[in-house]
Amino acid sequence: MQSSHDAPAPTVVDVVIPAVDEAQSIGRVLRDLPASVRRVVVVDNGSTDATAEIARQAGATVVHEPRRGYGSACLAGMAEIARLAPAPDVLVFLDGDYSDHPDELPRLVEPIALRRAELVVGSRVLGRREPGALLPQARFGNWLASRMIRALYGLHVTDLGPFRAIRWQSLLELGMADRDFGWTAEMQVKAARGRLAYAEVPVSYRRRVGVSKITGTLSGSVRAGWKIIYTILVRPG
């Protein structure tokens, strides 16, 4: 029986979804989010398809960020969340390609609601992956980056996955700045340096709808890999 001390505190959860040309998948992502989510901000990061229109029709707030880059989209989403007061207790970041399982969001929020963590990353390594969902270059890059963070910062990381939840005030205190591929690594490194309580939970992962803009091409994989390594070694303040 769960004691009252361990019962989750009432938690207001908002979601930010960066998206580029995800018209085939964004509706499914929004449909599968739990009803407990208060607000969803979809950041259209230069789509040429109907991503923004579909997201808006599904009830999301849509923000347009013309400066390309995963970090740019996340920062724009944060700015919109800050503008739409009152602030949430927890902000969840989730990709728009339907590779993550949005209905698993409560798993990420629970450790924060129980005050056991301030940043929770959904680990695809610890969870179940559909065959072919995580490409070889992505698996290797993720393994290398995780090992580097463990060795340099003492944080036990298994994944730099995009599906993550963080206490809103803690996120503001991190001072996130990266505008492209280094965003996820920057958050985990800064969390380690700031001694944020960190946790990972297993999440499911399936093959995304469409082709990845990063790991789906050799050039994208190389650029992302170098930026992540640079971020871990040099960037975070």
Protein backbone atom coordinates (compact mmCIF):
# COMPACT_ATOMS: atom_id res chain seq x y z
CA MET A 1 0.00 0.00 0.00
CA GLN A 2 1.37 3.40 -0.99
CA SER A 3 1.84 5.78 1.93
CA SER A 4 0.67 9.36 1.78
CA HIS A 5 4.34 10.39 1.93
CA ASP A 6 5.00 8.53 -1.33
CA ALA A 7 1.85 9.68 -3.12
CA PRO A 8 2.57 11.84 -6.18
CA ALA A 9 1.97 15.54 -5.63
CA PRO A 10 -0.54 17.26 -7.95
CA THR A 11 1.57 18.11 -10.98
CA VAL A 12 0.83 20.46 -13.87
CA VAL A 13 2.47 19.10 -17.01
CA ASP A 14 3.04 20.92 -20.29
CA VAL A 15 4.62 19.40 -23.41
CA VAL A 16 6.89 20.84 -26.11
CA ILE A 17 7.15 19.00 -29.44
CA PRO A 18 9.73 20.20 -32.00
CA ALA A 19 8.60 19.24 -35.50
CA VAL A 20 9.84 19.53 -39.08
CA ASP A 21 7.65 18.04 -41.83
CA GLU A 22 5.85 15.63 -39.51
CA ALA A 23 2.38 15.88 -41.09
CA GLN A 24 2.14 12.07 -41.26
CA SER A 25 2.83 11.59 -37.56
CA ILE A 26 2.06 14.70 -35.49
CA GLY A 27 -1.65 13.91 -35.25
CA ARG A 28 -0.89 10.46 -33.82
CA VAL A 29 1.53 11.92 -31.28
CA LEU A 30 -1.04 14.43 -30.06
CA ARG A 31 -3.80 11.84 -30.01
CA ASP A 32 -1.80 9.52 -27.75
CA LEU A 33 -0.81 12.08 -25.13
CA PRO A 34 -2.51 11.49 -21.76
CA ALA A 35 -5.50 13.66 -20.90
CA SER A 36 -3.60 14.82 -17.80
CA VAL A 37 -1.37 17.05 -19.96
CA ARG A 38 -2.46 20.66 -19.58
CA ARG A 39 -0.94 22.30 -22.63
CA VAL A 40 0.95 21.21 -25.74
CA VAL A 41 3.17 23.51 -27.77
CA VAL A 42 4.22 22.25 -31.20
CA VAL A 43 7.16 24.18 -32.61
CA ASP A 44 7.07 24.19 -36.40
CA ASN A 45 10.75 24.44 -37.27
CA GLY A 46 10.39 25.30 -40.95
CA SER A 47 8.01 22.63 -42.22
CA THR A 48 6.96 22.63 -45.86
CA ASP A 49 3.97 20.36 -45.26
CA ALA A 50 0.78 20.61 -43.19
CA THR A 51 2.43 19.89 -39.80
CA ALA A 52 1.34 23.19 -38.27
CA GLU A 53 -2.24 22.99 -39.53
CA ILE A 54 -2.73 19.42 -38.32
CA ALA A 55 -1.26 20.24 -34.91
CA ARG A 56 -3.49 23.27 -34.53
CA GLN A 57 -6.60 21.31 -35.49
CA ALA A 58 -5.66 18.73 -32.86
CA GLY A 59 -5.70 21.39 -30.17
CA ALA A 60 -2.01 22.22 -29.83
CA THR A 61 -0.59 25.74 -29.63
CA VAL A 62 1.65 26.18 -32.66
CA VAL A 63 4.77 28.34 -32.65
CA HIS A 64 6.82 29.00 -35.77
CA GLU A 65 10.60 29.03 -35.36
CA PRO A 66 12.29 29.67 -38.72
CA ARG A 67 15.82 29.21 -37.35
CA ARG A 68 16.52 25.55 -38.04
CA GLY A 69 17.87 23.38 -35.26
CA TYR A 70 16.52 21.04 -32.61
CA GLY A 71 17.73 23.32 -29.83
CA SER A 72 16.23 26.37 -31.52
CA ALA A 73 12.85 24.66 -31.59
CA CYS A 74 13.09 23.60 -27.95
CA LEU A 75 14.09 27.10 -26.86
CA ALA A 76 11.17 28.58 -28.81
CA GLY A 77 8.83 26.12 -27.12
CA MET A 78 10.18 27.08 -23.71
CA ALA A 79 9.67 30.76 -24.48
CA GLU A 80 6.06 30.12 -25.42
CA ILE A 81 5.44 28.10 -22.25
CA ALA A 82 6.91 30.96 -20.20
CA ARG A 83 4.65 33.43 -22.00
CA LEU A 84 1.50 31.37 -21.39
CA ALA A 85 1.33 31.80 -17.60
CA PRO A 86 0.92 30.20 -15.15
CA ALA A 87 4.05 28.12 -15.46
CA PRO A 88 3.88 24.31 -15.32
CA ASP A 89 5.44 22.19 -12.60
CA VAL A 90 7.00 19.92 -15.19
CA LEU A 91 7.88 20.34 -18.86
CA VAL A 92 8.11 17.28 -21.11
CA PHE A 93 10.00 17.25 -24.41
CA LEU A 94 8.80 14.78 -27.01
CA ASP A 95 9.61 14.28 -30.69
CA GLY A 96 6.93 14.61 -33.35
CA ASP A 97 7.85 11.55 -35.41
CA TYR A 98 5.87 9.01 -33.35
CA SER A 99 8.96 6.96 -32.49
CA ASP A 100 8.34 7.48 -28.77
CA HIS A 101 5.13 6.33 -27.08
CA PRO A 102 3.36 9.46 -25.81
CA ASP A 103 1.11 7.41 -23.53
CA GLU A 104 4.22 6.51 -21.48
CA LEU A 105 4.60 10.13 -20.38
CA PRO A 106 3.38 9.42 -16.81
CA ARG A 107 6.41 7.15 -16.31
CA LEU A 108 8.71 10.15 -16.79
CA VAL A 109 6.68 12.53 -14.66
CA GLU A 110 6.19 10.23 -11.68
CA PRO A 111 9.73 10.46 -10.20
CA ILE A 112 9.46 14.26 -10.29
CA ALA A 113 5.99 14.23 -8.73
CA LEU A 114 7.38 11.99 -5.99
CA ARG A 115 10.27 14.45 -5.51
CA ARG A 116 12.80 11.77 -6.31
CA ALA A 117 14.19 13.49 -9.40
CA GLU A 118 14.33 16.84 -11.15
CA LEU A 119 15.30 15.54 -14.59
CA VAL A 120 14.03 12.22 -15.95
CA VAL A 121 15.17 10.83 -19.29
CA GLY A 122 13.27 8.09 -21.07
CA SER A 123 15.88 5.45 -21.82
CA ARG A 124 15.45 3.53 -25.04
CA VAL A 125 18.41 1.38 -24.01
CA LEU A 126 16.65 0.19 -20.87
CA GLY A 127 13.30 -0.16 -22.60
CA ARG A 128 11.98 -2.20 -25.49
CA ARG A 129 12.92 -1.20 -29.03
CA GLU A 130 11.21 -2.26 -32.23
CA PRO A 131 13.72 -3.89 -34.62
CA GLY A 132 15.25 -1.19 -36.81
CA ALA A 133 14.00 1.68 -34.66
CA LEU A 134 17.45 2.77 -33.46
CA LEU A 135 19.90 2.72 -36.36
CA PRO A 136 23.47 1.43 -35.84
CA GLN A 137 25.01 4.90 -36.07
CA ALA A 138 22.54 6.19 -33.51
CA ARG A 139 23.24 3.26 -31.16
CA PHE A 140 27.00 3.80 -31.35
CA GLY A 141 26.79 7.57 -30.93
CA ASN A 142 24.46 7.19 -28.00
CA TRP A 143 26.75 4.61 -26.34
CA LEU A 144 29.82 6.81 -26.80
CA ALA A 145 28.16 9.99 -25.54
CA SER A 146 26.70 8.19 -22.52
CA ARG A 147 30.10 6.75 -21.60
CA MET A 148 31.72 10.17 -21.94
CA ILE A 149 29.17 11.81 -19.63
CA ARG A 150 29.64 9.05 -17.07
CA ALA A 151 33.43 9.34 -17.18
CA LEU A 152 33.65 13.14 -17.14
CA TYR A 153 30.73 14.08 -14.90
CA GLY A 154 29.93 11.00 -12.83
CA LEU A 155 26.32 10.87 -14.02
CA HIS A 156 25.06 7.36 -14.78
CA VAL A 157 23.57 7.91 -18.23
CA THR A 158 22.44 5.18 -20.63
CA ASP A 159 20.68 7.32 -23.24
CA LEU A 160 20.49 10.84 -24.63
CA GLY A 161 16.93 10.22 -25.78
CA PRO A 162 14.65 13.15 -26.63
CA PHE A 163 11.71 11.94 -24.51
CA ARG A 164 12.39 13.65 -21.17
CA ALA A 165 10.72 15.46 -18.31
CA ILE A 166 12.21 18.19 -16.16
CA ARG A 167 11.00 20.36 -13.32
CA TRP A 168 10.25 23.76 -14.86
CA GLN A 169 12.22 25.81 -12.37
CA SER A 170 15.22 23.49 -12.70
CA LEU A 171 15.10 23.87 -16.48
CA LEU A 172 15.20 27.65 -16.20
CA GLU A 173 18.17 27.45 -13.86
CA LEU A 174 20.15 25.34 -16.34
CA GLY A 175 20.38 28.23 -18.79
CA MET A 176 19.99 26.11 -21.91
CA ALA A 177 21.60 27.64 -24.98
CA ASP A 178 22.44 25.05 -27.66
CA ARG A 179 20.47 25.59 -30.86
CA ASP A 180 21.03 22.32 -32.66
CA PHE A 181 22.21 18.75 -32.09
CA GLY A 182 23.86 19.34 -28.71
CA TRP A 183 20.63 20.18 -26.86
CA THR A 184 20.03 16.83 -25.14
CA ALA A 185 23.66 16.37 -24.11
CA GLU A 186 23.82 19.95 -22.86
CA MET A 187 20.85 19.35 -20.57
CA GLN A 188 22.33 16.20 -19.04
CA VAL A 189 25.80 17.67 -18.59
CA LYS A 190 24.43 20.83 -17.01
CA ALA A 191 22.20 18.73 -14.77
CA ALA A 192 25.28 16.82 -13.60
CA ARG A 193 27.26 20.00 -12.99
CA GLY A 194 24.35 21.55 -11.14
CA ARG A 195 23.81 18.37 -9.08
CA LEU A 196 20.19 17.96 -10.16
CA ALA A 197 18.57 14.75 -8.99
CA TYR A 198 18.63 12.59 -12.13
CA ALA A 199 16.75 9.45 -13.09
CA GLU A 200 16.07 7.32 -16.13
CA VAL A 201 13.02 5.19 -16.82
CA PRO A 202 12.65 2.53 -19.52
CA VAL A 203 10.58 3.65 -22.51
CA SER A 204 9.44 1.89 -25.65
CA TYR A 205 10.75 2.97 -29.04
CA ARG A 206 9.44 2.20 -32.52
CA ARG A 207 10.51 2.98 -36.06
CA ARG A 208 9.69 6.59 -36.76
CA VAL A 209 7.25 7.71 -39.43
CA GLY A 210 9.32 8.99 -42.36
CA VAL A 211 13.10 9.45 -42.52
CA SER A 212 15.12 11.01 -39.70
CA LYS A 213 16.67 14.37 -40.53
CA ILE A 214 19.69 13.44 -38.41
CA THR A 215 20.43 9.70 -38.26
CA GLY A 216 18.67 9.03 -41.55
CA THR A 217 21.66 10.43 -43.50
CA LEU A 218 25.43 9.97 -43.15
CA SER A 219 26.12 13.70 -43.14
CA GLY A 220 23.45 14.29 -40.51
CA SER A 221 24.85 11.55 -38.30
CA VAL A 222 28.40 12.92 -38.55
CA ARG A 223 27.36 16.51 -37.84
CA ALA A 224 25.21 15.48 -34.90
CA GLY A 225 27.93 13.22 -33.49
CA TRP A 226 30.63 15.86 -33.57
CA LYS A 227 28.36 18.49 -32.04
CA ILE A 228 27.35 16.17 -29.19
CA ILE A 229 30.99 15.33 -28.43
CA TYR A 230 31.92 19.02 -28.53
CA THR A 231 29.03 19.84 -26.21
CA ILE A 232 30.07 17.21 -23.68
CA LEU A 233 33.72 18.25 -23.71
CA VAL A 234 33.56 22.02 -24.09
CA ARG A 235 30.25 23.82 -24.29
CA PRO A 236 28.21 23.71 -21.08
CA GLY A 237 29.02 26.43 -18.52
